[in-house]
Protein backbone atom coordinates (compact mmCIF):
# COMPACT_ATOMS: atom_id res chain seq x y z
CA MET A 1 -39.83 -30.87 -2.40
CA THR A 2 -41.44 -33.56 -4.56
CA LEU A 3 -42.52 -32.93 -8.14
CA LEU A 4 -46.17 -33.28 -7.07
CA SER A 5 -45.86 -30.78 -4.25
CA ARG A 6 -44.05 -28.30 -6.50
CA THR A 7 -46.78 -28.72 -9.12
CA LEU A 8 -49.52 -28.03 -6.57
CA LEU A 9 -47.60 -25.04 -5.27
CA VAL A 10 -47.25 -23.65 -8.79
CA GLY A 11 -51.02 -23.57 -9.08
CA ALA A 12 -51.30 -21.66 -5.84
CA VAL A 13 -48.55 -19.20 -6.75
CA LEU A 14 -50.09 -18.41 -10.11
CA LEU A 15 -53.17 -17.10 -8.34
CA THR A 16 -51.08 -14.29 -6.84
CA PRO A 17 -50.21 -11.08 -8.75
CA LEU A 18 -47.29 -11.43 -11.15
CA VAL A 19 -45.84 -8.11 -9.96
CA PRO A 20 -45.30 -7.73 -6.22
CA ALA A 21 -46.66 -4.61 -4.59
CA GLY A 22 -43.53 -2.63 -3.75
CA PRO A 23 -43.16 -0.52 -0.64
CA ALA A 24 -44.38 3.06 -0.67
CA VAL A 25 -41.85 5.58 -1.99
CA ALA A 26 -41.78 8.71 0.13
CA ASP A 27 -40.28 10.89 -2.61
CA THR A 28 -42.78 10.70 -5.43
CA GLU A 29 -40.42 12.77 -7.62
CA CYS A 30 -37.66 10.16 -7.38
CA THR A 31 -36.59 9.17 -10.89
CA THR A 32 -32.84 8.52 -10.78
CA SER A 33 -30.35 7.03 -8.34
CA VAL A 34 -26.77 5.81 -8.72
CA PRO A 35 -26.00 2.63 -6.76
CA TYR A 36 -22.48 2.19 -8.18
CA VAL A 37 -19.76 4.73 -8.98
CA SER A 38 -16.44 3.48 -10.35
CA GLY A 39 -13.54 4.27 -8.05
CA GLN A 40 -15.67 4.10 -4.91
CA GLY A 41 -16.28 1.29 -2.42
CA GLY A 42 -12.92 -0.40 -3.01
CA TYR A 43 -13.37 -1.05 -6.73
CA ALA A 44 -11.78 0.68 -9.70
CA SER A 45 -14.76 -0.15 -11.89
CA TYR A 46 -18.31 -1.50 -11.68
CA ARG A 47 -19.81 -3.30 -14.65
CA ILE A 48 -22.43 -5.85 -15.78
CA PRO A 49 -25.66 -4.80 -14.00
CA ALA A 50 -28.46 -7.25 -13.18
CA THR A 51 -31.60 -6.63 -11.17
CA VAL A 52 -34.68 -8.42 -9.83
CA VAL A 53 -37.49 -7.55 -7.42
CA THR A 54 -38.26 -9.90 -4.54
CA PRO A 55 -41.76 -11.02 -3.53
CA VAL A 56 -41.92 -8.28 -0.86
CA GLY A 57 -40.84 -5.57 -3.30
CA THR A 58 -37.13 -5.26 -2.47
CA LEU A 59 -34.97 -4.36 -5.45
CA LEU A 60 -31.66 -6.19 -5.77
CA ALA A 61 -28.98 -4.54 -7.94
CA PHE A 62 -26.08 -6.87 -8.76
CA ALA A 63 -22.86 -5.89 -10.52
CA GLU A 64 -19.30 -6.96 -11.05
CA GLY A 65 -16.93 -5.10 -8.74
CA ARG A 66 -13.63 -4.97 -10.62
CA ARG A 67 -10.92 -4.18 -8.09
CA ASP A 68 -7.97 -3.25 -10.27
CA GLY A 69 -9.46 -1.79 -13.46
CA ALA A 70 -12.11 -2.15 -16.14
CA ALA A 71 -10.70 -5.31 -17.76
CA ASP A 72 -13.01 -8.33 -18.10
CA SER A 73 -10.52 -10.61 -16.29
CA GLY A 74 -8.69 -10.14 -13.01
CA ASN A 75 -9.72 -9.81 -9.38
CA ILE A 76 -13.49 -9.42 -9.76
CA ASP A 77 -16.29 -9.90 -7.19
CA VAL A 78 -20.05 -10.07 -7.59
CA VAL A 79 -21.48 -7.29 -5.44
CA LEU A 80 -25.01 -6.31 -4.40
CA ARG A 81 -26.99 -3.34 -3.13
CA ARG A 82 -30.61 -3.54 -1.94
CA SER A 83 -33.37 -0.94 -2.13
CA THR A 84 -36.56 -1.06 -0.08
CA ASP A 85 -38.04 2.15 -1.53
CA GLY A 86 -38.35 1.26 -5.19
CA GLY A 87 -34.83 2.22 -6.23
CA CYS A 88 -34.70 5.74 -4.79
CA THR A 89 -32.06 4.87 -2.19
CA TRP A 90 -29.75 1.88 -1.70
CA GLY A 91 -28.41 0.04 1.30
CA MET A 92 -24.83 -0.93 2.06
CA GLN A 93 -22.81 -2.70 -0.59
CA THR A 94 -22.10 -6.37 0.08
CA VAL A 95 -20.00 -9.03 -1.65
CA VAL A 96 -22.09 -11.98 -2.83
CA ALA A 97 -19.28 -13.96 -4.50
CA SER A 98 -15.64 -13.07 -3.82
CA GLY A 99 -13.13 -13.53 -6.61
CA ASP A 100 -10.17 -13.74 -4.20
CA GLY A 101 -7.91 -12.84 -7.11
CA ASP A 102 -9.98 -14.69 -9.71
CA THR A 103 -12.96 -13.58 -11.81
CA ARG A 104 -16.56 -14.07 -10.71
CA GLY A 105 -19.22 -12.37 -12.74
CA ASN A 106 -21.97 -12.49 -15.35
CA PRO A 107 -24.69 -12.39 -12.67
CA ALA A 108 -28.01 -13.93 -13.77
CA PRO A 109 -30.49 -13.65 -10.85
CA VAL A 110 -34.03 -15.01 -10.77
CA VAL A 111 -36.68 -15.38 -8.07
CA ASP A 112 -38.16 -18.87 -7.65
CA PRO A 113 -41.92 -18.24 -7.84
CA LEU A 114 -42.63 -21.27 -5.66
CA THR A 115 -40.55 -20.33 -2.64
CA GLY A 116 -39.47 -16.69 -3.07
CA THR A 117 -35.83 -17.80 -2.96
CA VAL A 118 -33.44 -15.61 -4.95
CA VAL A 119 -31.34 -17.90 -7.16
CA LEU A 120 -28.15 -16.40 -8.59
CA VAL A 121 -26.13 -18.12 -11.33
CA THR A 122 -22.67 -16.74 -12.13
CA SER A 123 -19.59 -17.56 -14.20
CA TYR A 124 -15.96 -17.98 -13.10
CA ASN A 125 -12.47 -18.10 -14.55
CA GLY A 126 -8.94 -17.76 -13.25
CA GLY A 127 -7.90 -14.17 -12.75
CA THR A 128 -4.84 -14.37 -15.01
CA VAL A 129 -6.55 -15.78 -18.10
CA THR A 130 -8.44 -13.96 -20.85
CA GLU A 131 -11.42 -14.79 -23.05
CA GLY A 132 -9.12 -15.14 -26.06
CA ARG A 133 -6.91 -17.70 -24.31
CA ILE A 134 -9.93 -19.66 -23.15
CA MET A 135 -11.37 -19.70 -26.68
CA ARG A 136 -8.04 -20.94 -28.05
CA GLY A 137 -7.94 -23.77 -25.51
CA GLU A 138 -4.80 -22.51 -23.81
CA VAL A 139 -5.96 -22.88 -20.18
CA THR A 140 -6.65 -25.78 -17.84
CA ALA A 141 -10.18 -26.82 -16.95
CA GLY A 142 -9.82 -25.39 -13.45
CA GLN A 143 -8.85 -21.96 -14.78
CA SER A 144 -11.36 -21.98 -17.64
CA ARG A 145 -15.00 -20.91 -17.46
CA ARG A 146 -17.00 -22.61 -14.73
CA VAL A 147 -20.57 -22.11 -13.52
CA PHE A 148 -21.90 -21.65 -9.98
CA VAL A 149 -25.24 -21.16 -8.23
CA GLN A 150 -26.09 -19.38 -4.95
CA ARG A 151 -29.32 -18.79 -3.04
CA SER A 152 -30.79 -16.22 -0.70
CA ARG A 153 -33.76 -17.12 1.46
CA ASP A 154 -33.83 -13.83 3.40
CA ASP A 155 -34.83 -11.29 0.73
CA GLY A 156 -31.28 -10.85 -0.55
CA GLU A 157 -29.77 -9.90 2.81
CA SER A 158 -27.37 -12.85 2.60
CA PHE A 159 -26.41 -15.55 0.10
CA GLY A 160 -25.07 -19.04 0.58
CA PRO A 161 -21.64 -19.96 -0.82
CA PRO A 162 -21.24 -20.64 -4.57
CA GLU A 163 -22.01 -24.25 -5.51
CA GLU A 164 -20.45 -25.51 -8.73
CA ILE A 165 -22.77 -26.85 -11.45
CA THR A 166 -20.30 -26.86 -14.36
CA GLU A 167 -20.58 -30.59 -15.08
CA GLN A 168 -24.36 -30.29 -15.35
CA VAL A 169 -24.44 -27.31 -17.74
CA LYS A 170 -21.21 -27.23 -19.79
CA ARG A 171 -20.39 -29.70 -22.53
CA PRO A 172 -16.81 -31.02 -22.63
CA ASP A 173 -16.12 -29.43 -26.04
CA TRP A 174 -17.25 -25.94 -24.98
CA ARG A 175 -14.51 -23.43 -24.17
CA TRP A 176 -15.87 -19.98 -23.40
CA TYR A 177 -19.05 -19.92 -21.32
CA ALA A 178 -21.18 -17.03 -20.07
CA THR A 179 -24.43 -16.84 -18.14
CA GLY A 180 -26.76 -13.97 -19.11
CA PRO A 181 -25.81 -11.42 -17.97
CA GLY A 182 -28.95 -9.79 -16.63
CA HIS A 183 -32.02 -11.20 -14.92
CA ALA A 184 -33.09 -14.74 -15.79
CA VAL A 185 -36.65 -16.08 -16.14
CA ALA A 186 -39.02 -18.06 -13.92
CA LEU A 187 -41.82 -19.59 -15.99
CA ARG A 188 -45.37 -18.96 -14.76
CA HIS A 189 -47.52 -20.50 -17.50
CA GLY A 190 -48.04 -23.89 -19.08
CA PRO A 191 -46.67 -27.34 -18.27
CA HIS A 192 -43.26 -26.03 -17.19
CA ALA A 193 -44.51 -23.43 -14.69
CA GLY A 194 -41.93 -22.97 -11.94
CA ARG A 195 -38.97 -23.72 -14.24
CA LEU A 196 -35.97 -21.42 -13.89
CA VAL A 197 -34.36 -20.58 -17.24
CA ILE A 198 -30.91 -18.99 -17.61
CA PRO A 199 -29.98 -17.74 -21.10
CA ALA A 200 -26.31 -18.37 -21.84
CA ASN A 201 -23.65 -18.65 -24.55
CA HIS A 202 -20.52 -20.61 -25.28
CA SER A 203 -17.75 -21.13 -27.82
CA VAL A 204 -16.37 -24.26 -29.46
CA ALA A 205 -13.04 -25.29 -30.91
CA PRO A 206 -12.37 -24.59 -34.59
CA PRO A 207 -13.56 -27.29 -37.01
CA PRO A 208 -10.98 -29.99 -37.78
CA GLY A 209 -8.55 -28.91 -40.45
CA SER A 210 -9.33 -25.21 -40.20
CA ALA A 211 -6.78 -22.56 -39.30
CA ASP A 212 -7.69 -20.85 -36.06
CA SER A 213 -6.71 -17.25 -36.45
CA GLY A 214 -7.54 -16.59 -32.81
CA GLN A 215 -10.20 -14.08 -33.76
CA GLU A 216 -12.79 -13.84 -31.02
CA PRO A 217 -16.05 -13.67 -33.02
CA LYS A 218 -15.94 -16.87 -35.00
CA TYR A 219 -17.06 -19.78 -32.87
CA TYR A 220 -19.82 -18.50 -30.57
CA GLY A 221 -23.19 -20.17 -30.02
CA GLY A 222 -26.21 -19.67 -27.80
CA HIS A 223 -27.89 -22.05 -25.37
CA ALA A 224 -30.04 -22.10 -22.25
CA ILE A 225 -29.89 -24.01 -18.99
CA TYR A 226 -32.87 -24.72 -16.75
CA SER A 227 -33.88 -26.15 -13.39
CA ASP A 228 -37.21 -27.69 -12.40
CA ASP A 229 -36.40 -27.97 -8.69
CA GLY A 230 -35.56 -24.44 -7.64
CA GLY A 231 -31.93 -24.53 -8.75
CA THR A 232 -30.83 -27.78 -7.09
CA THR A 233 -30.22 -29.65 -10.35
CA TRP A 234 -29.68 -28.19 -13.82
CA HIS A 235 -30.04 -29.28 -17.44
CA ILE A 236 -28.84 -28.00 -20.80
CA GLY A 237 -31.76 -26.87 -22.94
CA PHE A 238 -31.53 -25.78 -26.56
CA VAL A 239 -28.13 -25.38 -28.18
CA ALA A 240 -28.00 -23.04 -31.17
CA GLY A 241 -25.09 -22.17 -33.41
CA ASP A 242 -23.60 -23.35 -36.65
CA TYR A 243 -20.30 -21.62 -35.75
CA ASP A 244 -19.74 -20.37 -39.28
CA GLY A 245 -19.31 -16.71 -38.35
CA ARG A 246 -22.55 -15.60 -40.01
CA LEU A 247 -24.61 -15.32 -36.80
CA ASN A 248 -22.70 -15.36 -33.52
CA ALA A 249 -25.19 -15.59 -30.65
CA ASN A 250 -23.51 -14.19 -27.56
CA GLU A 251 -24.79 -12.45 -24.40
CA THR A 252 -28.50 -13.24 -24.20
CA THR A 253 -31.62 -12.06 -22.40
CA ALA A 254 -35.01 -13.79 -22.17
CA ALA A 255 -38.66 -13.13 -21.35
CA GLU A 256 -41.75 -15.28 -20.99
CA LEU A 257 -44.48 -14.05 -23.33
CA PRO A 258 -48.13 -13.98 -22.15
CA ASP A 259 -48.91 -17.16 -24.10
CA GLY A 260 -46.15 -19.08 -22.28
CA ARG A 261 -43.58 -19.02 -25.08
CA LEU A 262 -40.04 -17.88 -24.31
CA TYR A 263 -38.49 -15.02 -26.26
CA PHE A 264 -34.67 -14.86 -26.50
CA ASN A 265 -32.78 -11.78 -27.68
CA SER A 266 -29.02 -12.04 -28.22
CA ARG A 267 -26.04 -9.88 -29.02
CA ASP A 268 -24.57 -10.82 -32.39
CA GLN A 269 -20.83 -10.87 -31.72
CA HIS A 270 -19.59 -9.44 -35.03
CA GLY A 271 -21.45 -11.89 -37.24
CA SER A 272 -21.19 -11.31 -40.97
CA SER A 273 -24.97 -10.76 -41.37
CA LEU A 274 -26.37 -7.25 -41.16
CA GLY A 275 -27.50 -6.10 -37.74
CA ASN A 276 -26.26 -6.61 -34.19
CA ARG A 277 -29.31 -8.24 -32.55
CA LEU A 278 -30.61 -11.77 -32.98
CA ASP A 279 -33.74 -13.38 -31.59
CA ALA A 280 -35.48 -16.73 -31.30
CA ARG A 281 -38.42 -18.35 -29.48
CA SER A 282 -39.06 -21.56 -27.62
CA ASP A 283 -42.43 -23.32 -27.30
CA ASP A 284 -41.25 -25.93 -24.77
CA GLY A 285 -39.69 -24.04 -21.89
CA ALA A 286 -36.22 -23.59 -23.45
CA ALA A 287 -35.70 -27.27 -24.29
CA SER A 288 -35.59 -26.39 -28.01
CA LEU A 289 -36.10 -23.44 -30.34
CA ALA A 290 -39.12 -23.06 -32.59
CA ARG A 291 -36.77 -21.58 -35.21
CA PRO A 292 -33.04 -20.78 -35.29
CA TYR A 293 -31.70 -17.43 -34.21
CA ALA A 294 -32.30 -14.77 -36.86
CA VAL A 295 -31.45 -11.07 -37.23
CA GLN A 296 -33.95 -8.70 -35.58
CA PRO A 297 -33.92 -5.76 -38.05
CA ALA A 298 -36.16 -3.53 -35.92
CA LEU A 299 -33.26 -3.12 -33.45
CA ASP A 300 -30.71 -2.03 -36.04
CA GLU A 301 -29.84 1.09 -34.02
CA VAL A 302 -28.29 -1.05 -31.27
CA PRO A 303 -24.49 -1.50 -31.41
CA VAL A 304 -22.63 -4.69 -30.49
CA VAL A 305 -23.52 -4.83 -26.79
CA GLN A 306 -25.58 -6.70 -24.19
CA GLY A 307 -29.28 -5.77 -23.94
CA SER A 308 -32.30 -6.63 -21.80
CA VAL A 309 -35.90 -7.69 -22.43
CA LEU A 310 -38.86 -7.61 -20.06
CA GLN A 311 -42.47 -8.68 -20.57
CA LEU A 312 -44.70 -6.23 -18.72
CA ALA A 313 -47.52 -7.68 -16.64
CA GLY A 314 -51.15 -7.13 -17.64
CA ASP A 315 -53.49 -7.90 -20.51
CA GLY A 316 -52.06 -6.67 -23.80
CA ALA A 317 -48.93 -5.30 -22.12
CA PRO A 318 -45.88 -4.93 -24.40
CA LEU A 319 -42.50 -6.60 -24.41
CA LEU A 320 -39.69 -4.12 -23.68
CA PHE A 321 -36.07 -4.00 -24.83
CA SER A 322 -33.31 -1.74 -23.48
CA GLY A 323 -29.94 -0.90 -24.99
CA PRO A 324 -27.82 1.90 -26.47
CA SER A 325 -29.27 3.48 -29.60
CA VAL A 326 -26.24 4.60 -31.63
CA PRO A 327 -25.20 1.86 -34.07
CA THR A 328 -21.50 2.73 -33.99
CA ALA A 329 -21.06 3.60 -30.31
CA ARG A 330 -22.18 2.62 -26.83
CA GLN A 331 -24.27 5.72 -26.28
CA SER A 332 -27.83 6.99 -25.70
CA MET A 333 -29.60 4.36 -23.58
CA ALA A 334 -33.12 3.79 -24.89
CA VAL A 335 -36.18 1.60 -24.43
CA TRP A 336 -38.12 -0.07 -27.24
CA ARG A 337 -41.47 -1.85 -27.06
CA SER A 338 -43.01 -4.71 -29.00
CA THR A 339 -46.74 -5.32 -29.20
CA ASP A 340 -46.40 -8.55 -31.21
CA GLY A 341 -44.24 -10.75 -29.01
CA GLY A 342 -40.91 -9.56 -30.36
CA ALA A 343 -41.68 -9.75 -34.07
CA GLY A 344 -41.02 -6.00 -34.30
CA PHE A 345 -39.96 -3.16 -32.00
CA THR A 346 -40.55 0.59 -31.81
CA LYS A 347 -38.30 2.95 -29.87
CA VAL A 348 -40.39 4.82 -27.31
CA LEU A 349 -37.95 6.58 -24.99
CA THR A 350 -34.31 7.72 -24.91
CA LEU A 351 -33.11 7.98 -21.32
CA SER A 352 -30.00 10.05 -21.98
CA GLU A 353 -27.62 11.10 -24.73
CA ARG A 354 -24.63 10.18 -22.57
CA ARG A 355 -22.39 7.20 -23.18
CA ALA A 356 -24.11 3.96 -22.13
CA ALA A 357 -23.57 0.21 -22.43
CA TYR A 358 -25.04 -2.77 -20.52
CA SER A 359 -28.50 -2.61 -18.95
CA ASP A 360 -31.19 -4.65 -17.19
CA LEU A 361 -34.95 -4.07 -16.96
CA VAL A 362 -37.18 -4.80 -13.98
CA GLN A 363 -40.86 -4.18 -13.22
CA ILE A 364 -40.99 -2.52 -9.80
CA ASP A 365 -44.79 -2.46 -9.49
CA ALA A 366 -47.84 -2.17 -11.70
CA ASP A 367 -47.06 1.46 -12.51
CA THR A 368 -43.26 1.57 -12.61
CA VAL A 369 -40.41 0.00 -14.58
CA GLY A 370 -36.75 0.30 -13.64
CA VAL A 371 -33.65 0.34 -15.86
CA LEU A 372 -30.25 -0.40 -14.28
CA PHE A 373 -27.58 0.67 -16.78
CA GLU A 374 -23.94 1.57 -17.27
CA THR A 375 -23.34 5.19 -18.20
CA GLY A 376 -20.99 8.16 -18.02
CA LEU A 377 -19.98 11.47 -19.56
CA LYS A 378 -16.56 10.54 -20.96
CA GLY A 379 -17.08 6.80 -21.12
CA PRO A 380 -19.90 4.29 -20.56
CA TYR A 381 -18.41 2.66 -17.45
CA GLU A 382 -18.19 5.58 -15.03
CA SER A 383 -21.24 4.54 -13.02
CA ILE A 384 -24.26 2.26 -12.92
CA GLU A 385 -27.47 4.30 -12.76
CA PHE A 386 -31.02 3.26 -11.88
CA ARG A 387 -33.85 5.03 -13.69
CA ARG A 388 -37.53 4.74 -12.71
CA LEU A 389 -39.97 4.97 -15.65
CA PRO A 390 -43.76 5.25 -15.51
CA VAL A 391 -45.36 2.28 -17.27
CA ALA A 392 -47.85 4.69 -18.86
CA GLU A 393 -45.02 6.27 -20.87
CA LEU A 394 -44.11 2.90 -22.38
CA LEU A 395 -47.55 1.74 -23.47
CA PRO A 396 -48.84 2.14 -27.04
């Protein structure tokens, strides 16, 4: 598709509702479902949820299926379950990207607003290596972190094979690399409408002359990658990080604000500054940041963990954030809202007092928001639950 034809199609797409009308849900009392339970379906553990809704209202719930245990490395697949009734029930589990003994994960799905294609970006590394070894530069390029893209043109029923894009999106001096995790963003406003934006993070080698203690937190930075042609070609956008250990941008989530700006919210991986959440904004479609990452003090209840943001559709609708709400533990999944584009947040709802960790937000329809999150009684990784929330309960 030419740039002109994509531009004309953007204009047509933007005339349609931003939130697809989902299928009718027979059980109007449906609030909770559990698409993934660790120990079932051939996997010892399920982690790293990500979810999007397709143009016809189908919910796609991605996760990492960890075959041999809960460790971040090993034989790990990207798996998927689909729901056609708004998240009340789920279809058969399928494998989208098979690790075949290696690690495939960090799913970052997004729906191309021009074509309805589901674009999935994931990360890879050899199954026998660890994040620490990668950060210390102890692995070969083939076994280190690599980046892949896949597409579904049939409403998530099937995906094409992973296509490698590492050379387009990873600088030679970067070691660790992670996409998302959680849903990515398709821009709908302004000169970059139609652009697909994937929030990401990386690590670099220690500065020359310094002693690398091998400590994980020290050399992380944030960045974004984007595509203007539906995921065929990719570019590195902003790169943020002074790598001094003060602010360590790590797993990142993003939302397009109503005025077309991008809001980024990041896990601070044990930075020396107070607080565990950082945020930043971009005025040019993720090519650069309007200001560097800074601590978001209104989210000081959140521990060191991944989180999710979602801009609700509609005039004056708030920006939402989801994450655990106990500063010292992964526990008590909650939802916050912001009525000023992420400048401040107010906690509006605690979903459960149980253990909880990673999450992803999705708008199912005009009246309903979904939260896909890790949770359990004894630990936060026993299952991945889907909770339906009335939008009315989240509004000011």
